[in-house]
Amino acid sequence: MAVHFDAIVVGSGITGGWAAKELTERGLRVLMLERGKPLEHGKGYSGEHKAPYELPFRGLGDRKLIEAHYSSYADAAQWMNEATQHFWARDDEIPYQQDESAPFTWVRTNVLGGKSLVWGRQTYRLSDLDFEANARDGHGIDWPIRYADLAPWYDHVEEFIGVSGRAEGLPQLPDGQFLPPMALNCVEQSAKARIEEAFPGRRMTIGRVGILTEDHKGRQACHYCGPCYRGCSTASYFSTQGSTLPAARKTGRLEVRTNAIVEKVAYDKETRRATGVHVIDSQTDERLFFSSKLVFLCASTLGSTQILLNSRSEAFPDGLANSSGALGKYLMDHTMAAGAFAVMPGYDDVITRGHRPNGIYIPRFRNLSPAEESGDMGFVRGYGYQGMAMRLQGFPALAQPGFGADWKKSLTGFGPWAMFLSGFGECLPSEANRVKLSERARDRWGIPQLDIRFEWSENELAMYRDIGQEAVAMLEAAGGVHVSPLSQTPPPGGVGIHEMGTARMGRDPRTSVLGSHCQAHDVQNLFVTDGACMTSSACQNPSLTYMALTARACAFAARQLEGGAYA
């Protein structure tokens, strides 16, 4: 027997949590469906403050278990480790196929809260430089919105989640609603002054981050303990469990089901509306159906796309809401790991206290005007840097041979200061970068697996080289020595964990899946507000934009529902 709701939200991560909050606060009865395991705020963060000696494999993990079930995380080991393993999806739980000549790493969690528990928390707005880019240089299609459309929703999200940062007045990186910024350390302050003197027009600032620097809306300020990616019991960083889920539950209008695998969205060709979702209980294998007036897909870029592709019918043989044929195409990510590392001489009399959960940011400085982009840079679009300066520990001992008590004691001492810069580079939308349903491979419930193909274009590769070269130049200008590049070639797509674009927004239903409010052109009560909706990637961390787009779409859908649009 079907259970009816005003809205169904598929996914509980950054966008799913926001959709649940916004829709319930607007009076709708909402069902949130999460394919992963339940996880309770605080109590579920089992590795949060454990020291290496408290973990069975001292933080390195069970090598045989990792090789058997987490091999796809080899390039993302900084996120998936022994202290966080319980958050992440095993390869055999959510299998997928990829083109060996053009691989893509699909990094997925498998718990309530999704990647909101483990995200890097860097929180930046896009500008009209980004929203106008496709129309300006002809790569991709034009966004159906501009910065002015999203600015009040950026405000709305920032005021709720709490973003610490410093206003810089840069048109390519709009300022927001900021809590007090975290402080640059003394080496970063010196590097900032010397880089900005050597390179006029470049700016180094403290990162803008979704972590509280003062108590905010019942949540405690960060106390700089350090292991943010293990979960935050004080809710000092933004997550579904710490922020949006409590707000949605407070309304009394939210029901949450975990271990709920959404197989497909049901569609009525007579009314041209989505009628609900077909669900498989992963613990019992029971098949269920839930009906609703609205469906919001927030299951991650590739998760939502897989659901749409599998929601085939006579009306939509190539996937629900896919009359354009664009569904599954134009997959994007950010290049990462290009940059440089340097030893910073001096400052041996100072160290930092605590573990600042943030670094520095150097906003985009390439191709800021049409004149620059038509020049000899060798690529269009741009990139931004993240990084930090830190005092190395045990460095002298590790750099030279030795053994015995004196050598061991030296490991507890401090080495020199060092600094690194690492860039995120923009990825152009390309029809060749795509996902589709596998013709043969299925998961244990018979759902077709995704088949992914992704390659970096020459534009991304040229930009990648420039990121490394300019990082070296800036660290040398900052006084660094022994400066060395971080990487010469980008890791596979997906390692940046910023995948986006496979159900893009656009003005024309013939070339896009979604309209200006993340509403499917073909199915008016269906919304996709995770990274799949993105029309271009920009170079900024995208999570804030996902949240703002979700809040905006929810307000629109609730108004439409109240006006009888989906009756």
Protein backbone atom coordinates (compact mmCIF):
# COMPACT_ATOMS: atom_id res chain seq x y z
CA MET A 1 0.00 0.00 0.00
CA ALA A 2 1.40 3.36 -1.00
CA VAL A 3 2.20 5.97 1.65
CA HIS A 4 1.64 9.52 0.43
CA PHE A 5 3.75 12.59 1.22
CA ASP A 6 3.85 16.17 0.02
CA ALA A 7 7.49 15.70 -0.99
CA ILE A 8 10.07 12.95 -1.17
CA VAL A 9 13.74 13.88 -0.80
CA VAL A 10 16.18 11.25 -2.06
CA GLY A 11 19.52 11.57 -0.28
CA SER A 12 20.54 13.02 3.08
CA GLY A 13 23.81 14.76 2.29
CA ILE A 14 24.45 18.47 1.92
CA THR A 15 21.56 19.09 -0.50
CA GLY A 16 19.19 16.45 0.86
CA GLY A 17 19.45 17.91 4.33
CA TRP A 18 18.75 21.38 2.98
CA ALA A 19 15.76 20.19 0.96
CA ALA A 20 14.27 18.49 4.04
CA LYS A 21 14.77 21.61 6.16
CA GLU A 22 13.36 24.07 3.64
CA LEU A 23 10.35 22.00 2.63
CA THR A 24 9.29 21.04 6.17
CA GLU A 25 9.70 24.61 7.37
CA ARG A 26 7.36 25.65 4.56
CA GLY A 27 4.68 23.30 5.86
CA LEU A 28 5.20 20.20 3.72
CA ARG A 29 5.16 16.64 5.02
CA VAL A 30 8.45 15.17 3.80
CA LEU A 31 9.95 11.70 3.47
CA MET A 32 13.76 11.57 3.36
CA LEU A 33 15.20 8.40 1.82
CA GLU A 34 18.84 7.44 2.43
CA ARG A 35 20.36 4.32 0.92
CA GLY A 36 23.02 4.13 3.64
CA LYS A 37 23.01 3.06 7.26
CA PRO A 38 21.57 5.13 10.11
CA LEU A 39 24.08 7.26 11.98
CA GLU A 40 23.33 9.32 15.08
CA HIS A 41 24.94 12.71 15.63
CA GLY A 42 27.86 12.41 18.04
CA LYS A 43 27.38 8.77 18.96
CA GLY A 44 28.06 7.62 15.41
CA TYR A 45 31.44 9.34 15.17
CA SER A 46 33.30 6.36 16.57
CA GLY A 47 36.75 7.48 15.40
CA GLU A 48 36.36 11.17 16.26
CA HIS A 49 39.04 11.59 18.92
CA LYS A 50 40.85 8.25 18.84
CA ALA A 51 44.63 8.36 18.82
CA PRO A 52 46.47 5.99 16.47
CA TYR A 53 47.35 3.66 19.36
CA GLU A 54 43.63 3.21 20.07
CA LEU A 55 42.96 1.86 16.57
CA PRO A 56 43.64 -1.81 15.79
CA PHE A 57 45.91 -0.99 12.85
CA ARG A 58 47.25 2.27 14.32
CA GLY A 59 45.33 4.35 11.80
CA LEU A 60 46.79 2.63 8.75
CA GLY A 61 43.83 0.28 8.32
CA ASP A 62 43.55 -3.41 7.58
CA ARG A 63 45.47 -3.71 4.32
CA LYS A 64 43.70 -6.88 3.23
CA LEU A 65 40.26 -5.38 3.97
CA ILE A 66 41.12 -2.18 2.07
CA GLU A 67 42.42 -4.10 -0.95
CA ALA A 68 39.31 -6.29 -0.98
CA HIS A 69 36.61 -3.70 -0.39
CA TYR A 70 38.01 -0.15 -0.70
CA SER A 71 40.48 -0.35 -3.57
CA SER A 72 38.78 2.50 -5.46
CA TYR A 73 39.73 4.88 -2.64
CA ALA A 74 43.47 4.54 -3.29
CA ASP A 75 43.60 8.07 -4.74
CA ALA A 76 41.38 9.48 -1.96
CA ALA A 77 43.12 7.94 1.05
CA GLN A 78 43.26 11.30 2.83
CA TRP A 79 39.51 10.97 3.42
CA MET A 80 38.92 7.24 3.85
CA ASN A 81 41.03 5.75 6.62
CA GLU A 82 40.69 3.54 9.67
CA ALA A 83 39.02 6.27 11.76
CA THR A 84 36.39 7.07 9.10
CA GLN A 85 35.96 3.74 7.34
CA HIS A 86 32.45 3.31 8.78
CA PHE A 87 31.26 6.37 6.80
CA TRP A 88 32.35 5.16 3.38
CA ALA A 89 30.74 2.81 0.87
CA ARG A 90 32.51 -0.44 0.10
CA ASP A 91 33.23 -1.12 -3.56
CA ASP A 92 31.06 -4.23 -3.49
CA GLU A 93 28.14 -2.39 -1.86
CA ILE A 94 27.81 0.16 -4.66
CA PRO A 95 29.67 -1.20 -7.70
CA TYR A 96 30.17 0.67 -10.96
CA GLN A 97 31.94 0.22 -14.27
CA GLN A 98 34.49 2.53 -15.87
CA ASP A 99 36.40 2.86 -19.10
CA GLU A 100 39.94 1.69 -18.36
CA SER A 101 41.35 4.14 -20.87
CA ALA A 102 39.37 7.04 -19.37
CA PRO A 103 38.84 6.16 -15.67
CA PHE A 104 36.81 7.97 -13.05
CA THR A 105 36.85 7.39 -9.29
CA TRP A 106 33.38 7.50 -7.73
CA VAL A 107 33.91 8.34 -4.06
CA ARG A 108 30.77 7.61 -1.99
CA THR A 109 29.68 7.47 1.62
CA ASN A 110 27.01 5.04 2.74
CA VAL A 111 25.50 6.55 5.90
CA LEU A 112 22.83 9.07 6.89
CA GLY A 113 24.33 12.53 6.38
CA GLY A 114 26.41 11.46 3.41
CA LYS A 115 29.46 13.48 2.52
CA SER A 116 28.27 16.39 4.68
CA LEU A 117 30.07 14.49 7.46
CA VAL A 118 33.42 14.42 5.68
CA TRP A 119 33.49 17.38 3.28
CA GLY A 120 36.38 19.85 3.31
CA ARG A 121 34.03 22.68 4.42
CA GLN A 122 35.53 25.26 2.03
CA THR A 123 32.66 27.61 1.22
CA TYR A 124 32.84 29.97 -1.76
CA ARG A 125 30.34 31.80 -3.95
CA LEU A 126 30.36 31.69 -7.73
CA SER A 127 30.26 35.05 -9.54
CA ASP A 128 28.97 36.23 -12.89
CA LEU A 129 32.45 35.49 -14.23
CA ASP A 130 31.37 31.87 -13.73
CA PHE A 131 27.67 32.10 -14.62
CA GLU A 132 28.46 33.92 -17.88
CA ALA A 133 31.48 31.83 -18.87
CA ASN A 134 29.76 29.33 -21.17
CA ALA A 135 27.98 32.05 -23.10
CA ARG A 136 31.16 34.10 -23.30
CA ASP A 137 33.59 31.51 -24.64
CA GLY A 138 31.21 29.02 -26.27
CA HIS A 139 32.05 25.97 -24.16
CA GLY A 140 28.77 24.41 -23.01
CA ILE A 141 25.40 26.13 -22.87
CA ASP A 142 24.39 29.30 -21.08
CA TRP A 143 23.35 29.13 -17.44
CA PRO A 144 19.67 30.10 -17.04
CA ILE A 145 20.54 32.19 -13.96
CA ARG A 146 23.00 34.89 -12.97
CA TYR A 147 24.64 35.86 -9.69
CA ALA A 148 21.80 38.24 -8.78
CA ASP A 149 19.35 35.31 -8.87
CA LEU A 150 21.39 33.31 -6.37
CA ALA A 151 22.86 36.06 -4.15
CA PRO A 152 19.94 36.20 -1.66
CA TRP A 153 20.03 32.41 -1.37
CA TYR A 154 23.76 32.46 -0.72
CA ASP A 155 22.90 34.91 2.10
CA HIS A 156 20.15 32.60 3.36
CA VAL A 157 22.44 29.57 3.50
CA GLU A 158 25.44 31.37 5.00
CA GLU A 159 23.36 32.95 7.75
CA PHE A 160 22.14 29.50 8.80
CA ILE A 161 25.28 27.37 8.51
CA GLY A 162 27.79 29.93 9.77
CA VAL A 163 30.72 30.76 7.48
CA SER A 164 33.92 32.27 8.82
CA GLY A 165 35.90 34.38 6.39
CA ARG A 166 37.21 37.80 5.43
CA ALA A 167 35.60 40.20 2.97
CA GLU A 168 38.03 41.03 0.15
CA GLY A 169 35.91 42.99 -2.34
CA LEU A 170 36.88 40.83 -5.32
CA PRO A 171 34.38 40.64 -8.19
CA GLN A 172 35.48 37.10 -9.11
CA LEU A 173 34.86 35.89 -5.52
CA PRO A 174 31.83 37.69 -4.03
CA ASP A 175 31.86 38.38 -0.31
CA GLY A 176 29.25 36.78 1.92
CA GLN A 177 27.69 36.81 5.38
CA PHE A 178 30.78 36.06 7.44
CA LEU A 179 31.54 35.18 11.03
CA PRO A 180 34.95 36.45 12.25
CA PRO A 181 37.78 35.00 10.14
CA MET A 182 40.36 32.57 11.43
CA ALA A 183 43.86 34.01 11.68
CA LEU A 184 46.76 33.54 9.30
CA ASN A 185 49.87 32.30 11.09
CA CYS A 186 53.05 34.35 10.99
CA VAL A 187 54.56 32.51 8.01
CA GLU A 188 51.34 32.92 6.01
CA GLN A 189 51.21 36.62 6.88
CA SER A 190 54.74 37.07 5.53
CA ALA A 191 53.99 34.98 2.44
CA LYS A 192 50.84 37.00 1.77
CA ALA A 193 52.73 40.31 1.87
CA ARG A 194 55.55 39.09 -0.36
CA ILE A 195 53.31 37.33 -2.91
CA GLU A 196 50.96 40.29 -3.24
CA GLU A 197 53.95 42.62 -3.68
CA ALA A 198 55.54 40.40 -6.32
CA PHE A 199 52.28 39.67 -8.15
CA PRO A 200 49.96 42.71 -8.17
CA GLY A 201 46.38 41.63 -8.65
CA ARG A 202 46.78 38.39 -6.70
CA ARG A 203 45.32 38.10 -3.23
CA MET A 204 45.96 35.65 -0.41
CA THR A 205 43.27 35.39 2.23
CA ILE A 206 42.19 32.98 4.93
CA GLY A 207 39.88 30.25 3.65
CA ARG A 208 36.14 30.79 3.82
CA VAL A 209 34.95 27.80 5.74
CA GLY A 210 31.69 26.37 7.11
CA ILE A 211 33.10 26.17 10.63
CA LEU A 212 32.01 28.40 13.50
CA THR A 213 34.42 30.89 15.04
CA GLU A 214 31.77 31.90 17.58
CA ASP A 215 28.66 30.24 19.01
CA HIS A 216 25.92 30.33 16.40
CA LYS A 217 22.26 29.24 16.46
CA GLY A 218 22.77 26.83 19.35
CA ARG A 219 25.98 25.34 17.98
CA GLN A 220 29.36 25.73 19.68
CA ALA A 221 32.37 27.52 18.25
CA CYS A 222 35.19 25.34 16.97
CA HIS A 223 37.86 24.48 19.56
CA TYR A 224 40.52 23.52 16.98
CA CYS A 225 40.76 19.86 17.94
CA GLY A 226 41.62 18.93 14.36
CA PRO A 227 40.00 15.74 13.00
CA CYS A 228 36.96 17.38 11.35
CA TYR A 229 36.54 14.66 8.73
CA ARG A 230 35.80 12.11 11.49
CA GLY A 231 32.56 13.87 12.49
CA CYS A 232 32.02 16.82 14.83
CA SER A 233 30.13 16.16 18.08
CA THR A 234 29.91 19.87 18.90
CA ALA A 235 28.36 20.60 15.48
CA SER A 236 30.97 23.32 15.04
CA TYR A 237 31.14 22.54 11.36
CA PHE A 238 28.11 22.33 9.12
CA SER A 239 26.68 18.87 8.50
CA THR A 240 23.24 17.38 7.98
CA GLN A 241 23.31 15.76 11.43
CA GLY A 242 24.46 18.91 13.20
CA SER A 243 22.32 21.52 11.42
CA THR A 244 19.65 20.86 8.79
CA LEU A 245 18.32 17.52 10.07
CA PRO A 246 17.59 18.84 13.60
CA ALA A 247 15.85 21.86 12.04
CA ALA A 248 13.68 19.63 9.83
CA ARG A 249 12.84 17.26 12.68
CA LYS A 250 11.86 20.18 14.88
CA THR A 251 8.90 20.86 12.55
CA GLY A 252 7.40 17.42 13.23
CA ARG A 253 6.84 16.97 9.50
CA LEU A 254 9.84 14.81 8.58
CA GLU A 255 10.09 11.04 8.29
CA VAL A 256 13.51 9.48 7.64
CA ARG A 257 14.09 6.00 6.22
CA THR A 258 17.63 4.65 5.99
CA ASN A 259 18.77 1.51 4.14
CA ALA A 260 16.32 2.67 1.45
CA ILE A 261 17.65 2.21 -2.09
CA VAL A 262 15.69 4.24 -4.61
CA GLU A 263 15.42 2.11 -7.73
CA LYS A 264 13.47 4.54 -9.91
CA VAL A 265 11.01 7.41 -10.00
CA ALA A 266 7.49 6.55 -11.08
CA TYR A 267 5.92 8.62 -13.88
CA ASP A 268 2.33 9.08 -15.07
CA LYS A 269 2.32 9.86 -18.80
CA GLU A 270 -1.30 11.13 -18.64
CA THR A 271 -0.60 13.83 -16.05
CA ARG A 272 3.07 14.16 -17.06
CA ARG A 273 3.99 14.10 -13.39
CA ALA A 274 6.25 12.03 -11.16
CA THR A 275 4.01 10.09 -8.79
CA GLY A 276 6.55 8.77 -6.30
CA VAL A 277 9.53 6.44 -5.97
CA HIS A 278 10.15 2.70 -5.96
CA VAL A 279 12.38 1.67 -3.05
CA ILE A 280 14.24 -1.47 -2.01
CA ASP A 281 14.93 -2.07 1.68
CA SER A 282 18.59 -3.16 1.63
CA GLN A 283 18.21 -5.15 4.86
CA THR A 284 15.10 -7.16 3.97
CA ASP A 285 15.07 -6.86 0.13
CA GLU A 286 11.42 -5.78 0.44
CA ARG A 287 10.19 -3.60 -2.42
CA LEU A 288 8.13 -0.57 -1.44
CA PHE A 289 6.45 2.37 -3.14
CA PHE A 290 6.00 5.86 -1.71
CA SER A 291 3.89 8.48 -3.49
CA SER A 292 4.25 12.23 -3.32
CA LYS A 293 3.34 15.51 -4.96
CA LEU A 294 7.00 16.54 -5.34
CA VAL A 295 10.22 14.56 -5.84
CA PHE A 296 13.61 16.08 -5.03
CA LEU A 297 16.65 14.09 -6.16
CA CYS A 298 19.62 14.92 -3.93
CA ALA A 299 21.39 11.56 -4.11
CA SER A 300 24.73 12.97 -5.38
CA THR A 301 25.55 13.85 -8.97
CA LEU A 302 25.97 10.29 -10.18
CA GLY A 303 23.47 8.78 -7.76
CA SER A 304 20.64 11.02 -8.98
CA THR A 305 21.65 10.47 -12.59
CA GLN A 306 21.61 6.70 -12.14
CA ILE A 307 18.07 6.90 -10.73
CA LEU A 308 16.87 9.04 -13.65
CA LEU A 309 18.52 6.81 -16.25
CA ASN A 310 16.92 3.76 -14.64
CA SER A 311 13.47 5.43 -14.54
CA ARG A 312 12.79 4.43 -18.13
CA SER A 313 9.33 4.18 -19.56
CA GLU A 314 7.48 4.26 -22.85
CA ALA A 315 7.36 8.05 -22.55
CA PHE A 316 11.07 8.33 -21.69
CA PRO A 317 12.93 5.30 -23.07
CA ASP A 318 16.35 6.90 -22.45
CA GLY A 319 15.71 7.97 -18.87
CA LEU A 320 13.15 10.12 -17.09
CA ALA A 321 13.03 13.78 -18.15
CA ASN A 322 15.57 13.09 -20.91
CA SER A 323 13.87 14.35 -24.06
CA SER A 324 17.00 16.47 -24.64
CA GLY A 325 19.35 13.49 -24.58
CA ALA A 326 21.64 15.48 -22.25
CA LEU A 327 21.10 13.27 -19.20
CA GLY A 328 24.33 11.57 -18.16
CA LYS A 329 26.52 13.81 -20.34
CA TYR A 330 28.85 16.72 -19.56
CA LEU A 331 30.33 15.17 -16.42
CA MET A 332 32.82 17.51 -14.74
CA ASP A 333 35.20 17.54 -11.78
CA HIS A 334 38.05 19.78 -10.70
CA THR A 335 41.66 18.97 -11.41
CA MET A 336 43.63 18.76 -8.19
CA ALA A 337 47.10 17.99 -6.79
CA ALA A 338 48.93 20.52 -8.99
CA GLY A 339 50.95 22.99 -6.96
CA ALA A 340 54.21 23.20 -5.04
CA PHE A 341 55.84 22.67 -1.65
CA ALA A 342 58.62 24.69 -0.06
CA VAL A 343 60.63 24.93 3.12
CA MET A 344 60.23 28.39 4.69
CA PRO A 345 63.48 29.36 6.47
CA GLY A 346 63.37 31.30 9.71
CA TYR A 347 60.61 31.40 12.34
CA ASP A 348 62.28 28.58 14.28
CA ASP A 349 61.31 30.25 17.57
CA VAL A 350 57.54 29.97 16.93
CA ILE A 351 54.97 27.18 16.64
CA THR A 352 51.18 27.20 16.40
CA ARG A 353 48.77 26.04 19.10
CA GLY A 354 45.79 23.85 18.27
CA HIS A 355 44.82 22.56 14.86
CA ARG A 356 43.23 25.28 12.76
CA PRO A 357 40.71 23.48 10.51
CA ASN A 358 41.37 25.76 7.58
CA GLY A 359 44.07 27.07 5.29
CA ILE A 360 44.71 29.95 2.93
CA TYR A 361 42.97 30.72 -0.35
CA ILE A 362 44.31 32.51 -3.42
CA PRO A 363 41.30 33.34 -5.63
CA ARG A 364 41.36 33.00 -9.38
CA PHE A 365 43.62 35.52 -11.13
CA ARG A 366 43.79 34.07 -14.65
CA ASN A 367 41.47 35.11 -17.50
CA LEU A 368 39.44 37.62 -15.52
CA SER A 369 38.52 39.60 -18.64
CA PRO A 370 37.68 38.71 -22.26
CA ALA A 371 40.92 40.36 -23.36
CA GLU A 372 42.98 38.07 -21.14
CA GLU A 373 41.07 34.96 -22.19
CA SER A 374 41.71 35.65 -25.86
CA GLY A 375 45.44 36.08 -25.21
CA ASP A 376 48.30 33.59 -25.18
CA MET A 377 47.63 31.90 -21.84
CA GLY A 378 46.91 28.62 -23.64
CA PHE A 379 43.67 27.88 -21.86
CA VAL A 380 40.31 29.41 -20.98
CA ARG A 381 38.79 29.76 -17.48
CA GLY A 382 40.94 29.62 -14.35
CA TYR A 383 41.89 28.16 -11.00
CA GLY A 384 42.30 28.98 -7.31
CA TYR A 385 44.78 27.78 -4.70
CA GLN A 386 44.36 26.34 -1.26
CA GLY A 387 47.22 25.61 1.10
CA MET A 388 48.86 26.50 4.38
CA ALA A 389 52.11 26.97 6.25
CA MET A 390 52.94 24.58 9.07
CA ARG A 391 55.81 23.67 11.35
CA LEU A 392 57.12 20.23 10.48
CA GLN A 393 57.68 17.77 13.29
CA GLY A 394 60.39 15.11 13.27
CA PHE A 395 61.63 16.42 9.93
CA PRO A 396 65.40 16.45 10.63
CA ALA A 397 65.37 12.91 12.00
CA LEU A 398 63.29 11.54 9.16
CA ALA A 399 65.61 13.17 6.61
CA GLN A 400 68.73 11.42 7.84
CA PRO A 401 69.65 7.85 8.81
CA GLY A 402 69.80 6.81 12.44
CA PHE A 403 68.54 4.54 15.17
CA GLY A 404 68.43 4.22 18.93
CA ALA A 405 67.10 6.33 21.79
CA ASP A 406 68.59 9.64 20.67
CA TRP A 407 67.20 9.26 17.15
CA LYS A 408 63.76 8.34 18.51
CA LYS A 409 63.81 11.36 20.80
CA SER A 410 64.59 13.61 17.84
CA LEU A 411 61.33 12.58 16.24
CA THR A 412 59.44 14.53 18.89
CA GLY A 413 61.28 17.73 18.06
CA PHE A 414 60.32 20.40 15.55
CA GLY A 415 61.78 20.80 12.12
CA PRO A 416 61.55 23.84 9.83
CA TRP A 417 58.43 25.61 8.66
CA ALA A 418 57.04 24.59 5.29
CA MET A 419 54.26 25.78 3.00
CA PHE A 420 52.31 24.29 0.15
CA LEU A 421 49.94 25.63 -2.50
CA SER A 422 47.56 23.28 -4.32
CA GLY A 423 45.17 24.35 -7.05
CA PHE A 424 41.66 23.37 -8.08
CA GLY A 425 41.31 23.90 -11.84
CA GLU A 426 38.08 24.41 -13.76
CA CYS A 427 36.85 21.64 -16.05
CA LEU A 428 35.04 22.42 -19.29
CA PRO A 429 31.75 20.66 -20.04
CA SER A 430 32.31 17.97 -22.67
CA GLU A 431 29.73 15.66 -24.18
CA ALA A 432 32.36 12.89 -24.30
CA ASN A 433 32.57 12.81 -20.50
CA ARG A 434 29.50 10.80 -19.66
CA VAL A 435 27.78 8.13 -17.63
CA LYS A 436 25.30 5.56 -18.87
CA LEU A 437 23.70 2.38 -17.59
CA SER A 438 25.76 -0.74 -18.11
CA GLU A 439 24.21 -3.18 -20.56
CA ARG A 440 25.40 -6.18 -18.54
CA ALA A 441 26.55 -5.34 -14.99
CA ARG A 442 23.95 -5.07 -12.25
CA ASP A 443 24.10 -4.75 -8.48
CA ARG A 444 22.74 -7.40 -6.11
CA TRP A 445 19.19 -6.01 -6.47
CA GLY A 446 19.26 -6.10 -10.26
CA ILE A 447 19.73 -2.35 -10.74
CA PRO A 448 21.99 -1.58 -13.73
CA GLN A 449 25.38 -0.23 -12.67
CA LEU A 450 26.70 3.04 -13.95
CA ASP A 451 29.30 2.93 -16.69
CA ILE A 452 31.55 6.00 -16.51
CA ARG A 453 33.93 7.52 -19.03
CA PHE A 454 35.96 10.65 -18.26
CA GLU A 455 39.08 12.31 -19.70
CA TRP A 456 40.78 15.62 -19.00
CA SER A 457 40.89 17.84 -22.07
CA GLU A 458 43.96 19.70 -23.31
CA ASN A 459 42.47 22.84 -21.73
CA GLU A 460 42.55 21.24 -18.27
CA LEU A 461 46.05 19.85 -18.86
CA ALA A 462 47.41 23.24 -19.97
CA MET A 463 45.82 24.85 -16.92
CA TYR A 464 47.27 22.13 -14.71
CA ARG A 465 50.78 22.93 -15.89
CA ASP A 466 50.23 26.62 -15.21
CA ILE A 467 48.96 25.88 -11.69
CA GLY A 468 52.21 24.09 -10.87
CA GLN A 469 54.45 26.72 -12.45
CA GLU A 470 52.74 29.64 -10.72
CA ALA A 471 52.76 27.85 -7.35
CA VAL A 472 56.53 27.46 -7.64
CA ALA A 473 56.91 31.12 -8.61
CA MET A 474 54.77 32.35 -5.69
CA LEU A 475 56.52 30.19 -3.08
CA GLU A 476 59.89 31.40 -4.33
CA ALA A 477 58.64 34.99 -4.10
CA ALA A 478 57.45 34.23 -0.55
CA GLY A 479 61.00 33.29 0.45
CA GLY A 480 60.68 29.53 0.17
CA VAL A 481 63.64 27.26 -0.52
CA HIS A 482 63.87 23.72 -1.86
CA VAL A 483 60.70 24.49 -3.82
CA SER A 484 59.34 21.45 -5.62
CA PRO A 485 56.21 20.82 -7.71
CA LEU A 486 53.55 18.56 -6.19
CA SER A 487 52.40 16.69 -9.29
CA GLN A 488 52.99 16.73 -13.04
CA THR A 489 49.78 14.98 -14.13
CA PRO A 490 46.30 15.13 -12.63
CA PRO A 491 44.82 12.10 -10.89
CA PRO A 492 41.72 10.54 -12.51
CA GLY A 493 38.47 12.44 -12.54
CA GLY A 494 36.44 11.99 -9.37
CA VAL A 495 39.39 12.24 -6.99
CA GLY A 496 38.53 15.91 -6.43
CA ILE A 497 35.13 14.66 -5.18
CA HIS A 498 33.51 17.63 -6.94
CA GLU A 499 31.70 15.66 -9.66
CA MET A 500 28.88 17.60 -11.28
CA GLY A 501 26.96 18.34 -14.44
CA THR A 502 25.13 15.21 -15.66
CA ALA A 503 21.60 16.72 -15.54
CA ARG A 504 22.47 20.29 -16.38
CA MET A 505 20.39 23.43 -16.08
CA GLY A 506 19.72 25.45 -19.20
CA ARG A 507 17.37 27.82 -20.98
CA ASP A 508 16.46 25.47 -23.82
CA PRO A 509 14.68 22.13 -23.10
CA ARG A 510 16.26 20.75 -26.26
CA THR A 511 19.78 20.97 -24.79
CA SER A 512 19.29 20.74 -21.02
CA VAL A 513 17.49 18.61 -18.43
CA LEU A 514 16.57 21.30 -15.88
CA GLY A 515 15.31 24.87 -15.93
CA SER A 516 16.30 27.85 -13.85
CA HIS A 517 14.91 26.43 -10.57
CA CYS A 518 16.45 22.96 -10.99
CA GLN A 519 13.01 21.81 -12.18
CA ALA A 520 12.93 19.17 -14.90
CA HIS A 521 11.74 20.66 -18.18
CA ASP A 522 9.78 17.48 -18.97
CA VAL A 523 8.40 16.67 -15.49
CA GLN A 524 7.31 19.77 -13.63
CA ASN A 525 7.15 18.26 -10.12
CA LEU A 526 10.64 16.71 -10.35
CA PHE A 527 13.67 18.65 -9.08
CA VAL A 528 17.38 17.77 -9.10
CA THR A 529 19.43 20.05 -6.83
CA ASP A 530 22.70 18.24 -6.19
CA GLY A 531 25.82 18.62 -8.34
CA ALA A 532 24.09 17.05 -11.34
CA CYS A 533 22.34 20.37 -12.03
CA MET A 534 25.55 22.34 -12.65
CA THR A 535 26.03 23.83 -16.12
CA SER A 536 29.72 24.63 -15.66
CA SER A 537 32.15 23.80 -12.89
CA ALA A 538 33.88 27.13 -12.10
CA CYS A 539 36.98 26.50 -9.95
CA GLN A 540 35.55 27.15 -6.48
CA ASN A 541 34.50 24.39 -4.12
CA PRO A 542 30.86 23.91 -5.16
CA SER A 543 29.00 22.86 -1.99
CA LEU A 544 27.75 26.35 -1.05
CA THR A 545 26.30 26.74 -4.55
CA TYR A 546 24.54 23.36 -4.28
CA MET A 547 22.96 24.46 -0.98
CA ALA A 548 21.85 27.83 -2.34
CA LEU A 549 20.36 26.24 -5.47
CA THR A 550 18.50 23.74 -3.28
CA ALA A 551 17.04 26.38 -0.99
CA ARG A 552 15.93 28.44 -3.99
CA ALA A 553 14.34 25.43 -5.69
CA CYS A 554 12.47 24.46 -2.51
CA ALA A 555 11.00 27.93 -2.14
CA PHE A 556 9.87 27.85 -5.77
CA ALA A 557 8.39 24.35 -5.52
CA ALA A 558 6.52 25.15 -2.30
CA ARG A 559 5.01 28.27 -3.86
CA GLN A 560 3.99 26.31 -6.95
CA LEU A 561 2.45 23.57 -4.82
CA GLU A 562 0.51 26.07 -2.75
CA GLY A 563 -0.80 27.61 -5.96
CA GLY A 564 -2.09 24.26 -7.18
CA ALA A 565 0.50 23.76 -9.93
CA TYR A 566 0.99 20.05 -9.22
CA ALA A 567 -2.59 19.06 -8.46
